[in-house]
Amino acid sequence: QVQLDESGGGLVQAGGSLRLSCAASGRTSRTYSMAWFRQAPGKEREFVGAIHWSGINTYYADSVKGRFTSSRDNAKNTVYLQMNSLKPEDTAVYYCATNTALRSFTDYTQASRMTYWGKGTLVTVSS
């Protein structure tokens, strides 16, 4: 079992920045690739970004590319999502997720393939 706990959400004006954290606990003897998803009210959950367990590779949705950056500190079992130049359309609940059995990094773009989820943290961007 892996427990994920997001933090760092809040209210920010358009153009501002926030940094989300996702702390993993439980079965953390190995490190895992991690994905970020978000869900806005009345919309489907969508992929935001993913970071390989090594921290070397990252992948982002086109809607956030160039504005969001994911990083990780494996010594702290924590993954981060730095969000810059925020827009009102970025307003959503943000989740980190993983699947300890996946081998392909590209599979982390699919919410249906994730088996562990955090409870989410709300990001609200005002115009």
Foldseek 3Di string as FASTA:
>chain_A
DKAKAKDWADEEAAQAKIKMKIAIDDPLPDFAKKFKWWDDPPGDIFTAKIAGSVQPDIDGDPVQPPFWDKGDDSVRRMIMIIGGRDDQVVWTWMKMFGDPPDDDRVCNRDPVRTDYIYPTDTHGYHD
